[in-house]
Amino acid sequence: MTDDTTNAPLPEVSTPLNGDAQMRAYGASDDVPEFDDPAFTPLSRPLSEARVAIVTSAALHRFDQEGFSPSDTGFRTLDRADRNIIMGHWSPNFDHTGFQLDHNVVYPIDRLEELAADGVIGDVAPQHFAFAGNQPATVSELRLDSGPACAKLMLAAGVDVVVLTPV
């Protein structure tokens, strides 16, 4: 680049990366796991008869539950009626404004209730689940421990479809 008034070259300035740029650079350099046998089960009944649950990575929890801490690979259970919830996502790069205005941005429970009332889906599951998505290197723990434990609870509750809301 050159200065428009003198046509002299401009000195190169090294600016520090802002938080968003740092996270993008980190993500671009991080290995992405590949699964040879990903879990997928086709729906065995019409969607209008299916029970639907939400699994979010927004670190949601109720006021009476323990919040998420860094490297927390567990999950929190949210009851179908819960609306007074906290987003415990602690990344400085995450904007909470949308959630503060409408929890359905990350936890579309009211939209599921509407779909059930309209007969688009069969039923809304009695419980939904939240994980903390900003985990540095714990994919194996989620995949081998807490993920299967959460799946067992959903299977026991007759959940047919899971809406994933990654945050």
N, C-alpha and C. Protein backbone atom coordinates (compact mmCIF):
# COMPACT_ATOMS: atom_id res chain seq x y z
N MET A 1 0.84 -1.17 0.00
CA MET A 1 0.00 0.00 0.00
C MET A 1 0.89 1.24 0.00
N THR A 2 0.31 2.31 -0.54
CA THR A 2 1.05 3.56 -0.57
C THR A 2 0.19 4.68 -0.02
N ASP A 3 0.86 5.73 0.42
CA ASP A 3 0.19 6.93 0.90
C ASP A 3 -0.36 7.65 -0.32
N ASP A 4 -1.63 7.95 -0.35
CA ASP A 4 -2.26 8.57 -1.51
C ASP A 4 -1.72 9.97 -1.79
N THR A 5 -1.23 10.66 -0.79
CA THR A 5 -0.75 12.02 -1.00
C THR A 5 0.69 12.08 -1.49
N THR A 6 1.52 11.13 -1.08
CA THR A 6 2.94 11.17 -1.46
C THR A 6 3.34 10.00 -2.33
N ASN A 7 2.49 9.04 -2.46
CA ASN A 7 2.76 7.81 -3.21
C ASN A 7 3.93 7.03 -2.61
N ALA A 8 4.26 7.32 -1.35
CA ALA A 8 5.34 6.61 -0.65
C ALA A 8 4.76 5.35 -0.03
N PRO A 9 5.55 4.29 0.05
CA PRO A 9 5.04 3.07 0.69
C PRO A 9 4.73 3.30 2.16
N LEU A 10 3.63 2.75 2.62
CA LEU A 10 3.25 2.84 4.02
C LEU A 10 3.99 1.78 4.81
N PRO A 11 4.40 2.12 6.03
CA PRO A 11 5.08 1.09 6.85
C PRO A 11 4.08 0.01 7.24
N GLU A 12 4.57 -1.22 7.31
CA GLU A 12 3.71 -2.32 7.72
C GLU A 12 3.50 -2.23 9.23
N VAL A 13 2.26 -2.32 9.62
CA VAL A 13 1.92 -2.24 11.03
C VAL A 13 1.37 -3.59 11.46
N SER A 14 1.92 -4.13 12.50
CA SER A 14 1.45 -5.39 13.04
C SER A 14 0.47 -5.09 14.16
N THR A 15 -0.79 -5.39 13.95
CA THR A 15 -1.78 -5.15 14.99
C THR A 15 -2.12 -6.46 15.67
N PRO A 16 -2.29 -6.42 16.97
CA PRO A 16 -2.65 -7.66 17.67
C PRO A 16 -4.04 -8.11 17.24
N LEU A 17 -4.24 -9.40 17.23
CA LEU A 17 -5.54 -9.95 16.86
C LEU A 17 -6.55 -9.67 17.96
N ASN A 18 -7.76 -9.30 17.57
CA ASN A 18 -8.80 -9.16 18.57
C ASN A 18 -9.27 -10.55 18.99
N GLY A 19 -10.14 -10.63 19.99
CA GLY A 19 -10.58 -11.92 20.51
C GLY A 19 -11.19 -12.82 19.46
N ASP A 20 -12.03 -12.26 18.59
CA ASP A 20 -12.67 -13.06 17.55
C ASP A 20 -11.64 -13.62 16.59
N ALA A 21 -10.69 -12.79 16.17
CA ALA A 21 -9.66 -13.25 15.25
C ALA A 21 -8.77 -14.31 15.90
N GLN A 22 -8.49 -14.15 17.19
CA GLN A 22 -7.69 -15.15 17.90
C GLN A 22 -8.42 -16.50 17.92
N MET A 23 -9.72 -16.47 18.20
CA MET A 23 -10.49 -17.72 18.25
C MET A 23 -10.56 -18.37 16.87
N ARG A 24 -10.73 -17.56 15.83
CA ARG A 24 -10.77 -18.11 14.46
C ARG A 24 -9.42 -18.74 14.10
N ALA A 25 -8.33 -18.07 14.48
CA ALA A 25 -7.00 -18.62 14.20
C ALA A 25 -6.79 -19.93 14.97
N TYR A 26 -7.22 -19.94 16.22
CA TYR A 26 -7.11 -21.17 17.02
C TYR A 26 -7.94 -22.29 16.39
N GLY A 27 -9.16 -21.99 16.03
CA GLY A 27 -10.04 -23.00 15.43
C GLY A 27 -9.50 -23.52 14.12
N ALA A 28 -8.90 -22.65 13.33
CA ALA A 28 -8.36 -23.07 12.04
C ALA A 28 -7.17 -24.00 12.20
N SER A 29 -6.47 -23.89 13.33
CA SER A 29 -5.30 -24.74 13.55
C SER A 29 -5.62 -26.00 14.35
N ASP A 30 -6.82 -26.08 14.90
CA ASP A 30 -7.19 -27.21 15.74
C ASP A 30 -7.60 -28.40 14.87
N ASP A 31 -7.21 -29.58 15.29
CA ASP A 31 -7.60 -30.79 14.57
C ASP A 31 -9.09 -31.04 14.75
N VAL A 32 -9.75 -31.40 13.67
CA VAL A 32 -11.18 -31.73 13.72
C VAL A 32 -11.29 -33.24 13.74
N PRO A 33 -11.98 -33.78 14.74
CA PRO A 33 -12.10 -35.24 14.80
C PRO A 33 -12.93 -35.78 13.64
N GLU A 34 -12.55 -36.94 13.17
CA GLU A 34 -13.32 -37.63 12.13
C GLU A 34 -13.77 -38.95 12.71
N PHE A 35 -15.03 -39.29 12.50
CA PHE A 35 -15.60 -40.50 13.03
C PHE A 35 -15.93 -41.44 11.88
N ASP A 36 -15.37 -42.66 11.93
CA ASP A 36 -15.59 -43.63 10.87
C ASP A 36 -17.04 -44.10 10.83
N ASP A 37 -17.67 -44.16 11.98
CA ASP A 37 -19.02 -44.69 12.07
C ASP A 37 -19.90 -43.70 12.84
N PRO A 38 -20.28 -42.58 12.20
CA PRO A 38 -21.07 -41.59 12.94
C PRO A 38 -22.45 -42.14 13.30
N ALA A 39 -22.93 -41.72 14.45
CA ALA A 39 -24.23 -42.18 14.91
C ALA A 39 -25.33 -41.47 14.14
N PHE A 40 -26.18 -42.24 13.50
CA PHE A 40 -27.35 -41.70 12.82
C PHE A 40 -28.36 -42.81 12.71
N THR A 41 -29.56 -42.52 13.09
CA THR A 41 -30.63 -43.49 12.99
C THR A 41 -31.79 -42.84 12.25
N PRO A 42 -32.20 -43.42 11.14
CA PRO A 42 -33.34 -42.83 10.42
C PRO A 42 -34.60 -42.87 11.29
N LEU A 43 -35.46 -41.90 11.09
CA LEU A 43 -36.70 -41.81 11.84
C LEU A 43 -37.61 -42.97 11.46
N SER A 44 -38.10 -43.67 12.48
CA SER A 44 -38.90 -44.86 12.23
C SER A 44 -40.40 -44.58 12.20
N ARG A 45 -40.78 -43.35 12.40
CA ARG A 45 -42.20 -42.98 12.37
C ARG A 45 -42.31 -41.60 11.74
N PRO A 46 -43.50 -41.19 11.35
CA PRO A 46 -43.65 -39.83 10.80
C PRO A 46 -43.29 -38.78 11.85
N LEU A 47 -42.77 -37.66 11.39
CA LEU A 47 -42.41 -36.58 12.29
C LEU A 47 -43.61 -36.13 13.12
N SER A 48 -44.78 -36.22 12.56
CA SER A 48 -46.00 -35.80 13.27
C SER A 48 -46.33 -36.71 14.46
N GLU A 49 -45.60 -37.81 14.59
CA GLU A 49 -45.77 -38.73 15.72
C GLU A 49 -44.53 -38.78 16.62
N ALA A 50 -43.51 -38.06 16.25
CA ALA A 50 -42.21 -38.16 16.92
C ALA A 50 -42.12 -37.25 18.15
N ARG A 51 -41.41 -37.73 19.15
CA ARG A 51 -41.09 -36.93 20.34
C ARG A 51 -39.74 -36.27 20.09
N VAL A 52 -39.67 -34.97 20.34
CA VAL A 52 -38.48 -34.18 20.01
C VAL A 52 -37.86 -33.58 21.28
N ALA A 53 -36.54 -33.65 21.37
CA ALA A 53 -35.79 -33.05 22.47
C ALA A 53 -34.75 -32.09 21.91
N ILE A 54 -34.29 -31.20 22.77
CA ILE A 54 -33.24 -30.24 22.42
C ILE A 54 -31.97 -30.63 23.15
N VAL A 55 -30.85 -30.59 22.43
CA VAL A 55 -29.53 -30.67 23.04
C VAL A 55 -28.77 -29.45 22.56
N THR A 56 -28.32 -28.63 23.51
CA THR A 56 -27.62 -27.40 23.18
C THR A 56 -26.22 -27.40 23.78
N SER A 57 -25.35 -26.65 23.16
CA SER A 57 -24.00 -26.48 23.71
C SER A 57 -23.83 -25.08 24.30
N ALA A 58 -24.95 -24.45 24.69
CA ALA A 58 -24.92 -23.09 25.21
C ALA A 58 -24.67 -23.02 26.72
N ALA A 59 -24.34 -24.12 27.34
CA ALA A 59 -24.07 -24.16 28.79
C ALA A 59 -25.25 -23.63 29.59
N LEU A 60 -26.46 -23.99 29.17
CA LEU A 60 -27.65 -23.55 29.87
C LEU A 60 -27.84 -24.33 31.16
N HIS A 61 -28.38 -23.66 32.16
CA HIS A 61 -28.72 -24.33 33.41
C HIS A 61 -29.74 -23.49 34.17
N ARG A 62 -30.42 -24.14 35.07
CA ARG A 62 -31.37 -23.44 35.94
C ARG A 62 -30.60 -22.77 37.07
N PHE A 63 -31.26 -21.85 37.74
CA PHE A 63 -30.63 -21.15 38.86
C PHE A 63 -30.27 -22.11 40.00
N ASP A 64 -31.03 -23.19 40.15
CA ASP A 64 -30.76 -24.14 41.24
C ASP A 64 -29.74 -25.21 40.86
N GLN A 65 -29.19 -25.13 39.65
CA GLN A 65 -28.18 -26.10 39.22
C GLN A 65 -26.79 -25.47 39.25
N GLU A 66 -25.80 -26.32 39.40
CA GLU A 66 -24.42 -25.84 39.33
C GLU A 66 -24.12 -25.39 37.91
N GLY A 67 -23.45 -24.25 37.79
CA GLY A 67 -23.05 -23.76 36.48
C GLY A 67 -21.92 -24.59 35.90
N PHE A 68 -21.60 -24.34 34.67
CA PHE A 68 -20.50 -25.05 34.01
C PHE A 68 -19.18 -24.36 34.33
N SER A 69 -18.15 -25.15 34.48
CA SER A 69 -16.81 -24.62 34.68
C SER A 69 -15.95 -25.03 33.49
N PRO A 70 -14.80 -24.39 33.29
CA PRO A 70 -13.94 -24.80 32.18
C PRO A 70 -13.63 -26.30 32.26
N SER A 71 -13.66 -26.93 31.13
CA SER A 71 -13.40 -28.37 30.97
C SER A 71 -14.47 -29.24 31.61
N ASP A 72 -15.65 -28.70 31.85
CA ASP A 72 -16.78 -29.45 32.38
C ASP A 72 -17.43 -30.21 31.22
N THR A 73 -17.27 -31.51 31.21
CA THR A 73 -17.81 -32.31 30.12
C THR A 73 -19.16 -32.93 30.47
N GLY A 74 -19.72 -32.53 31.58
CA GLY A 74 -21.04 -33.03 31.97
C GLY A 74 -22.15 -32.30 31.23
N PHE A 75 -23.37 -32.59 31.62
CA PHE A 75 -24.52 -31.91 31.03
C PHE A 75 -25.51 -31.59 32.12
N ARG A 76 -26.41 -30.67 31.83
CA ARG A 76 -27.47 -30.29 32.74
C ARG A 76 -28.80 -30.65 32.09
N THR A 77 -29.73 -31.08 32.91
CA THR A 77 -31.06 -31.44 32.44
C THR A 77 -32.00 -30.26 32.66
N LEU A 78 -32.74 -29.93 31.63
CA LEU A 78 -33.73 -28.86 31.71
C LEU A 78 -35.10 -29.48 31.51
N ASP A 79 -36.02 -29.18 32.39
CA ASP A 79 -37.38 -29.69 32.25
C ASP A 79 -38.12 -28.91 31.18
N ARG A 80 -39.09 -29.54 30.57
CA ARG A 80 -39.87 -28.94 29.51
C ARG A 80 -40.45 -27.58 29.91
N ALA A 81 -40.84 -27.41 31.14
CA ALA A 81 -41.47 -26.17 31.60
C ALA A 81 -40.45 -25.08 31.95
N ASP A 82 -39.17 -25.41 32.04
CA ASP A 82 -38.16 -24.42 32.43
C ASP A 82 -38.02 -23.32 31.39
N ARG A 83 -38.16 -22.09 31.86
CA ARG A 83 -37.92 -20.93 30.99
C ARG A 83 -36.97 -19.95 31.67
N ASN A 84 -36.86 -20.00 32.97
CA ASN A 84 -35.99 -19.12 33.72
C ASN A 84 -34.62 -19.79 33.82
N ILE A 85 -33.84 -19.64 32.77
CA ILE A 85 -32.56 -20.33 32.65
C ILE A 85 -31.43 -19.34 32.44
N ILE A 86 -30.23 -19.81 32.72
CA ILE A 86 -29.02 -19.00 32.61
C ILE A 86 -28.16 -19.57 31.48
N MET A 87 -27.56 -18.68 30.71
CA MET A 87 -26.57 -19.12 29.74
C MET A 87 -25.21 -18.98 30.41
N GLY A 88 -24.55 -20.10 30.63
CA GLY A 88 -23.26 -20.08 31.32
C GLY A 88 -22.07 -20.08 30.39
N HIS A 89 -22.26 -19.79 29.13
CA HIS A 89 -21.17 -19.77 28.16
C HIS A 89 -20.22 -18.65 28.54
N TRP A 90 -18.98 -18.95 28.83
CA TRP A 90 -18.05 -17.96 29.37
C TRP A 90 -17.06 -17.41 28.36
N SER A 91 -17.13 -17.83 27.10
CA SER A 91 -16.17 -17.32 26.12
C SER A 91 -16.34 -15.80 25.96
N PRO A 92 -15.23 -15.05 25.97
CA PRO A 92 -15.34 -13.61 25.78
C PRO A 92 -15.75 -13.24 24.36
N ASN A 93 -15.75 -14.21 23.46
CA ASN A 93 -16.08 -13.97 22.06
C ASN A 93 -17.54 -14.25 21.75
N PHE A 94 -18.32 -14.59 22.76
CA PHE A 94 -19.70 -14.96 22.52
C PHE A 94 -20.63 -13.85 22.97
N ASP A 95 -21.48 -13.42 22.08
CA ASP A 95 -22.44 -12.36 22.37
C ASP A 95 -23.72 -12.98 22.93
N HIS A 96 -24.07 -12.61 24.14
CA HIS A 96 -25.25 -13.16 24.83
C HIS A 96 -26.53 -12.39 24.51
N THR A 97 -26.45 -11.33 23.73
CA THR A 97 -27.59 -10.45 23.52
C THR A 97 -28.80 -11.19 22.98
N GLY A 98 -28.61 -12.02 21.96
CA GLY A 98 -29.74 -12.74 21.38
C GLY A 98 -30.45 -13.60 22.41
N PHE A 99 -29.70 -14.32 23.21
CA PHE A 99 -30.28 -15.15 24.26
C PHE A 99 -31.02 -14.31 25.29
N GLN A 100 -30.45 -13.18 25.65
CA GLN A 100 -31.08 -12.32 26.65
C GLN A 100 -32.41 -11.76 26.15
N LEU A 101 -32.51 -11.55 24.84
CA LEU A 101 -33.76 -11.06 24.27
C LEU A 101 -34.78 -12.17 24.08
N ASP A 102 -34.30 -13.37 23.73
CA ASP A 102 -35.21 -14.49 23.47
C ASP A 102 -34.45 -15.80 23.62
N HIS A 103 -34.75 -16.56 24.66
CA HIS A 103 -34.04 -17.82 24.90
C HIS A 103 -34.19 -18.81 23.75
N ASN A 104 -35.20 -18.64 22.92
CA ASN A 104 -35.42 -19.54 21.78
C ASN A 104 -34.30 -19.47 20.74
N VAL A 105 -33.47 -18.44 20.82
CA VAL A 105 -32.34 -18.33 19.89
C VAL A 105 -31.42 -19.55 20.04
N VAL A 106 -31.20 -19.99 21.27
CA VAL A 106 -30.34 -21.15 21.50
C VAL A 106 -31.09 -22.34 22.09
N TYR A 107 -32.27 -22.08 22.59
CA TYR A 107 -33.07 -23.12 23.24
C TYR A 107 -34.52 -22.97 22.74
N PRO A 108 -34.81 -23.50 21.54
CA PRO A 108 -36.09 -23.23 20.89
C PRO A 108 -37.28 -24.03 21.45
N ILE A 109 -37.42 -24.01 22.75
CA ILE A 109 -38.47 -24.77 23.41
C ILE A 109 -39.86 -24.25 23.04
N ASP A 110 -40.04 -22.95 22.96
CA ASP A 110 -41.35 -22.40 22.62
C ASP A 110 -41.72 -22.73 21.17
N ARG A 111 -40.73 -22.75 20.28
CA ARG A 111 -41.00 -23.13 18.89
C ARG A 111 -41.41 -24.60 18.81
N LEU A 112 -40.78 -25.46 19.62
CA LEU A 112 -41.19 -26.87 19.64
C LEU A 112 -42.61 -27.01 20.16
N GLU A 113 -42.95 -26.26 21.19
CA GLU A 113 -44.32 -26.30 21.73
C GLU A 113 -45.32 -25.91 20.64
N GLU A 114 -44.99 -24.90 19.86
CA GLU A 114 -45.86 -24.47 18.76
C GLU A 114 -45.99 -25.56 17.70
N LEU A 115 -44.87 -26.20 17.36
CA LEU A 115 -44.89 -27.28 16.36
C LEU A 115 -45.74 -28.45 16.84
N ALA A 116 -45.65 -28.74 18.13
CA ALA A 116 -46.47 -29.83 18.70
C ALA A 116 -47.95 -29.44 18.67
N ALA A 117 -48.26 -28.21 19.03
CA ALA A 117 -49.65 -27.74 19.03
C ALA A 117 -50.24 -27.76 17.62
N ASP A 118 -49.40 -27.51 16.62
CA ASP A 118 -49.86 -27.52 15.23
C ASP A 118 -49.85 -28.91 14.60
N GLY A 119 -49.37 -29.92 15.34
CA GLY A 119 -49.34 -31.28 14.81
C GLY A 119 -48.19 -31.57 13.88
N VAL A 120 -47.23 -30.66 13.79
CA VAL A 120 -46.06 -30.89 12.94
C VAL A 120 -45.16 -31.96 13.55
N ILE A 121 -45.00 -31.90 14.88
CA ILE A 121 -44.29 -32.94 15.61
C ILE A 121 -45.28 -33.58 16.57
N GLY A 122 -44.97 -34.79 17.01
CA GLY A 122 -45.89 -35.49 17.89
C GLY A 122 -45.91 -34.94 19.30
N ASP A 123 -44.73 -34.69 19.87
CA ASP A 123 -44.67 -34.30 21.27
C ASP A 123 -43.31 -33.66 21.56
N VAL A 124 -43.30 -32.82 22.58
CA VAL A 124 -42.06 -32.24 23.08
C VAL A 124 -41.61 -33.11 24.26
N ALA A 125 -40.36 -33.49 24.24
CA ALA A 125 -39.82 -34.34 25.31
C ALA A 125 -39.96 -33.67 26.67
N PRO A 126 -40.06 -34.45 27.72
CA PRO A 126 -40.19 -33.87 29.06
C PRO A 126 -38.90 -33.23 29.57
N GLN A 127 -37.77 -33.64 29.01
CA GLN A 127 -36.48 -33.09 29.44
C GLN A 127 -35.60 -32.81 28.23
N HIS A 128 -34.75 -31.80 28.39
CA HIS A 128 -33.81 -31.38 27.36
C HIS A 128 -32.44 -31.25 28.02
N PHE A 129 -31.38 -31.12 27.21
CA PHE A 129 -30.04 -31.24 27.78
C PHE A 129 -29.11 -30.17 27.25
N ALA A 130 -28.24 -29.70 28.16
CA ALA A 130 -27.29 -28.66 27.82
C ALA A 130 -25.88 -29.09 28.20
N PHE A 131 -24.98 -28.87 27.27
CA PHE A 131 -23.55 -29.07 27.47
C PHE A 131 -22.87 -27.72 27.35
N ALA A 132 -21.62 -27.63 27.79
CA ALA A 132 -20.81 -26.44 27.55
C ALA A 132 -20.00 -26.71 26.29
N GLY A 133 -20.27 -25.96 25.26
CA GLY A 133 -19.66 -26.23 23.97
C GLY A 133 -18.24 -25.74 23.81
N ASN A 134 -17.80 -24.86 24.65
CA ASN A 134 -16.46 -24.31 24.49
C ASN A 134 -15.44 -25.15 25.25
N GLN A 135 -15.28 -26.38 24.79
CA GLN A 135 -14.36 -27.31 25.44
C GLN A 135 -13.08 -27.42 24.62
N PRO A 136 -11.92 -27.23 25.25
CA PRO A 136 -10.68 -27.23 24.49
C PRO A 136 -10.28 -28.59 23.91
N ALA A 137 -10.24 -29.62 24.70
CA ALA A 137 -9.73 -30.90 24.19
C ALA A 137 -10.44 -32.07 24.85
N THR A 138 -11.73 -32.04 24.90
CA THR A 138 -12.47 -33.06 25.66
C THR A 138 -13.47 -33.82 24.80
N VAL A 139 -13.26 -33.83 23.49
CA VAL A 139 -14.19 -34.51 22.61
C VAL A 139 -14.34 -35.98 22.98
N SER A 140 -13.24 -36.62 23.34
CA SER A 140 -13.33 -38.05 23.68
C SER A 140 -14.19 -38.28 24.91
N GLU A 141 -14.08 -37.42 25.91
CA GLU A 141 -14.92 -37.57 27.12
C GLU A 141 -16.40 -37.38 26.78
N LEU A 142 -16.68 -36.39 25.95
CA LEU A 142 -18.07 -36.18 25.54
C LEU A 142 -18.58 -37.36 24.72
N ARG A 143 -17.75 -37.85 23.81
CA ARG A 143 -18.16 -38.93 22.92
C ARG A 143 -18.30 -40.27 23.64
N LEU A 144 -17.45 -40.51 24.63
CA LEU A 144 -17.43 -41.81 25.27
C LEU A 144 -18.18 -41.86 26.61
N ASP A 145 -18.35 -40.72 27.27
CA ASP A 145 -18.95 -40.72 28.60
C ASP A 145 -20.27 -39.96 28.67
N SER A 146 -20.19 -38.64 28.71
CA SER A 146 -21.41 -37.86 28.94
C SER A 146 -22.37 -37.90 27.76
N GLY A 147 -21.87 -37.96 26.54
CA GLY A 147 -22.76 -38.06 25.38
C GLY A 147 -23.62 -39.32 25.42
N PRO A 148 -23.02 -40.50 25.59
CA PRO A 148 -23.83 -41.71 25.71
C PRO A 148 -24.77 -41.71 26.92
N ALA A 149 -24.34 -41.12 28.04
CA ALA A 149 -25.22 -41.05 29.21
C ALA A 149 -26.45 -40.20 28.91
N CYS A 150 -26.24 -39.09 28.21
CA CYS A 150 -27.35 -38.23 27.81
C CYS A 150 -28.26 -38.98 26.82
N ALA A 151 -27.67 -39.67 25.88
CA ALA A 151 -28.45 -40.42 24.89
C ALA A 151 -29.32 -41.49 25.56
N LYS A 152 -28.80 -42.15 26.57
CA LYS A 152 -29.58 -43.16 27.29
C LYS A 152 -30.81 -42.54 27.95
N LEU A 153 -30.64 -41.35 28.52
CA LEU A 153 -31.78 -40.67 29.14
C LEU A 153 -32.83 -40.33 28.09
N MET A 154 -32.39 -39.88 26.92
CA MET A 154 -33.34 -39.55 25.86
C MET A 154 -34.05 -40.79 25.34
N LEU A 155 -33.31 -41.86 25.16
CA LEU A 155 -33.93 -43.11 24.70
C LEU A 155 -34.96 -43.61 25.71
N ALA A 156 -34.62 -43.52 26.99
CA ALA A 156 -35.54 -43.96 28.03
C ALA A 156 -36.82 -43.11 28.05
N ALA A 157 -36.70 -41.85 27.62
CA ALA A 157 -37.86 -40.95 27.59
C ALA A 157 -38.61 -41.05 26.26
N GLY A 158 -38.19 -41.94 25.38
CA GLY A 158 -38.89 -42.13 24.11
C GLY A 158 -38.63 -41.04 23.08
N VAL A 159 -37.47 -40.39 23.16
CA VAL A 159 -37.14 -39.33 22.20
C VAL A 159 -36.79 -39.96 20.86
N ASP A 160 -37.42 -39.43 19.81
CA ASP A 160 -37.18 -39.90 18.43
C ASP A 160 -36.25 -38.98 17.66
N VAL A 161 -36.33 -37.68 17.96
CA VAL A 161 -35.59 -36.66 17.18
C VAL A 161 -34.92 -35.71 18.17
N VAL A 162 -33.69 -35.32 17.84
CA VAL A 162 -32.96 -34.35 18.66
C VAL A 162 -32.65 -33.13 17.80
N VAL A 163 -33.02 -31.97 18.31
CA VAL A 163 -32.65 -30.71 17.68
C VAL A 163 -31.37 -30.25 18.38
N LEU A 164 -30.29 -30.17 17.59
CA LEU A 164 -29.01 -29.73 18.13
C LEU A 164 -28.85 -28.24 17.90
N THR A 165 -28.56 -27.51 18.96
CA THR A 165 -28.32 -26.07 18.82
C THR A 165 -26.89 -25.79 19.27
N PRO A 166 -25.94 -25.88 18.33
CA PRO A 166 -24.55 -25.60 18.68
C PRO A 166 -24.34 -24.11 18.87
N VAL A 167 -23.63 -23.78 19.92
CA VAL A 167 -23.36 -22.37 20.23
C VAL A 167 -21.87 -22.20 20.37
